Amino acid sequence: MSKRKAAKYKIDRRMGENIWGRPKSSVNRRSYGPGQHGQRRKSKLSDYGIQLRA
């Protein structure tokens, strides 16, 4: 099994919840997504987008 090398906290903030269960996760500190445009309001996810996230 391979080890995930991507930024785990960035993925947490993109999904909007603490996926990895770490207490140090930035989701607990920031309620907005990662990156330059993360503080913008989130648009509604389409049905297809919901299927992709599941």
N, C-alpha and C. Protein backbone atom coordinates (compact mmCIF):
# COMPACT_ATOMS: atom_id res chain seq x y z
N MET A 1 0.84 -1.17 0.00
CA MET A 1 0.00 0.00 0.00
C MET A 1 0.89 1.24 0.00
N SER A 2 0.54 2.19 -0.84
CA SER A 2 1.37 3.39 -0.94
C SER A 2 0.98 4.43 0.11
N LYS A 3 1.91 5.30 0.39
CA LYS A 3 1.68 6.35 1.37
C LYS A 3 1.25 7.63 0.65
N ARG A 4 0.25 8.31 1.20
CA ARG A 4 -0.24 9.55 0.59
C ARG A 4 0.77 10.66 0.87
N LYS A 5 1.27 11.27 -0.21
CA LYS A 5 2.25 12.34 -0.05
C LYS A 5 1.64 13.72 -0.28
N ALA A 6 0.38 13.78 -0.67
CA ALA A 6 -0.28 15.07 -0.91
C ALA A 6 -0.54 15.78 0.41
N ALA A 7 -0.85 17.05 0.34
CA ALA A 7 -1.12 17.84 1.53
C ALA A 7 -2.46 17.43 2.13
N LYS A 8 -2.44 16.75 3.25
CA LYS A 8 -3.66 16.21 3.84
C LYS A 8 -4.57 17.31 4.37
N TYR A 9 -3.97 18.36 4.92
CA TYR A 9 -4.80 19.43 5.47
C TYR A 9 -5.50 20.20 4.36
N LYS A 10 -4.85 20.32 3.21
CA LYS A 10 -5.47 21.00 2.07
C LYS A 10 -6.70 20.21 1.60
N ILE A 11 -6.60 18.90 1.59
CA ILE A 11 -7.73 18.06 1.20
C ILE A 11 -8.86 18.19 2.22
N ASP A 12 -8.51 18.24 3.50
CA ASP A 12 -9.52 18.44 4.55
C ASP A 12 -10.30 19.72 4.31
N ARG A 13 -9.58 20.80 4.04
CA ARG A 13 -10.24 22.09 3.88
C ARG A 13 -11.04 22.15 2.59
N ARG A 14 -10.60 21.45 1.56
CA ARG A 14 -11.36 21.43 0.31
C ARG A 14 -12.69 20.70 0.49
N MET A 15 -12.67 19.61 1.24
CA MET A 15 -13.89 18.84 1.48
C MET A 15 -14.76 19.48 2.55
N GLY A 16 -14.17 20.27 3.42
CA GLY A 16 -14.93 20.96 4.44
C GLY A 16 -15.13 20.18 5.72
N GLU A 17 -14.40 19.08 5.88
CA GLU A 17 -14.50 18.28 7.10
C GLU A 17 -13.17 17.61 7.38
N ASN A 18 -13.00 17.15 8.59
CA ASN A 18 -11.76 16.53 9.04
C ASN A 18 -11.77 15.06 8.62
N ILE A 19 -11.21 14.75 7.47
CA ILE A 19 -11.23 13.40 6.91
C ILE A 19 -10.28 12.47 7.64
N TRP A 20 -9.10 12.95 7.97
CA TRP A 20 -8.05 12.11 8.54
C TRP A 20 -8.17 11.97 10.06
N GLY A 21 -9.04 12.74 10.69
CA GLY A 21 -9.25 12.62 12.13
C GLY A 21 -8.12 13.18 12.98
N ARG A 22 -7.37 14.10 12.45
CA ARG A 22 -6.26 14.68 13.21
C ARG A 22 -6.74 15.89 14.00
N PRO A 23 -6.35 15.99 15.25
CA PRO A 23 -6.78 17.15 16.06
C PRO A 23 -6.12 18.45 15.61
N LYS A 24 -4.97 18.36 14.93
CA LYS A 24 -4.24 19.54 14.48
C LYS A 24 -4.76 20.08 13.14
N SER A 25 -5.79 19.45 12.60
CA SER A 25 -6.29 19.82 11.28
C SER A 25 -6.71 21.28 11.22
N SER A 26 -6.42 21.91 10.08
CA SER A 26 -6.75 23.33 9.93
C SER A 26 -8.24 23.57 9.75
N VAL A 27 -9.03 22.53 9.53
CA VAL A 27 -10.49 22.69 9.44
C VAL A 27 -11.03 23.18 10.78
N ASN A 28 -10.39 22.77 11.86
CA ASN A 28 -10.81 23.20 13.19
C ASN A 28 -10.54 24.69 13.40
N ARG A 29 -9.57 25.24 12.68
CA ARG A 29 -9.20 26.65 12.84
C ARG A 29 -9.81 27.55 11.77
N ARG A 30 -9.90 27.06 10.53
CA ARG A 30 -10.40 27.88 9.42
C ARG A 30 -11.61 27.21 8.79
N SER A 31 -12.65 27.99 8.56
CA SER A 31 -13.86 27.42 7.98
C SER A 31 -13.92 27.60 6.47
N TYR A 32 -12.85 28.08 5.85
CA TYR A 32 -12.85 28.30 4.41
C TYR A 32 -11.84 27.37 3.73
N GLY A 33 -11.94 27.27 2.43
CA GLY A 33 -11.10 26.37 1.66
C GLY A 33 -9.68 26.86 1.49
N PRO A 34 -8.81 26.04 0.91
CA PRO A 34 -7.42 26.40 0.74
C PRO A 34 -7.21 27.32 -0.45
N GLY A 35 -6.09 28.00 -0.47
CA GLY A 35 -5.69 28.78 -1.63
C GLY A 35 -6.11 30.24 -1.59
N GLN A 36 -5.77 30.91 -2.69
CA GLN A 36 -5.99 32.35 -2.79
C GLN A 36 -7.47 32.72 -2.77
N HIS A 37 -8.31 31.88 -3.36
CA HIS A 37 -9.74 32.18 -3.46
C HIS A 37 -10.57 31.35 -2.49
N GLY A 38 -9.96 30.82 -1.47
CA GLY A 38 -10.66 29.94 -0.53
C GLY A 38 -11.70 30.63 0.32
N GLN A 39 -11.57 31.94 0.52
CA GLN A 39 -12.51 32.63 1.40
C GLN A 39 -13.79 33.03 0.68
N ARG A 40 -13.85 32.79 -0.61
CA ARG A 40 -15.08 33.08 -1.35
C ARG A 40 -16.16 32.09 -0.97
N ARG A 41 -17.39 32.50 -1.21
CA ARG A 41 -18.52 31.64 -0.88
C ARG A 41 -18.50 30.40 -1.77
N LYS A 42 -18.81 29.25 -1.22
CA LYS A 42 -18.83 28.02 -1.99
C LYS A 42 -20.11 27.92 -2.80
N SER A 43 -19.97 27.50 -4.05
CA SER A 43 -21.15 27.32 -4.88
C SER A 43 -21.76 25.95 -4.59
N LYS A 44 -23.02 25.79 -4.95
CA LYS A 44 -23.73 24.54 -4.68
C LYS A 44 -23.15 23.44 -5.56
N LEU A 45 -22.93 22.30 -4.98
CA LEU A 45 -22.37 21.16 -5.69
C LEU A 45 -23.46 20.50 -6.53
N SER A 46 -23.14 20.14 -7.76
CA SER A 46 -24.11 19.48 -8.63
C SER A 46 -24.28 18.02 -8.18
N ASP A 47 -25.29 17.36 -8.74
CA ASP A 47 -25.51 15.95 -8.43
C ASP A 47 -24.30 15.11 -8.84
N TYR A 48 -23.73 15.44 -9.98
CA TYR A 48 -22.56 14.72 -10.45
C TYR A 48 -21.36 14.96 -9.52
N GLY A 49 -21.21 16.17 -9.05
CA GLY A 49 -20.12 16.48 -8.12
C GLY A 49 -20.26 15.73 -6.81
N ILE A 50 -21.49 15.56 -6.35
CA ILE A 50 -21.74 14.79 -5.12
C ILE A 50 -21.37 13.33 -5.34
N GLN A 51 -21.67 12.79 -6.52
CA GLN A 51 -21.32 11.41 -6.84
C GLN A 51 -19.80 11.23 -6.86
N LEU A 52 -19.09 12.22 -7.39
CA LEU A 52 -17.64 12.12 -7.46
C LEU A 52 -17.00 12.16 -6.08
N ARG A 53 -17.56 12.91 -5.17
CA ARG A 53 -16.99 13.01 -3.82
C ARG A 53 -17.26 11.77 -2.98
N ALA A 54 -18.32 11.04 -3.29
CA ALA A 54 -18.70 9.87 -2.49
C ALA A 54 -17.75 8.71 -2.71
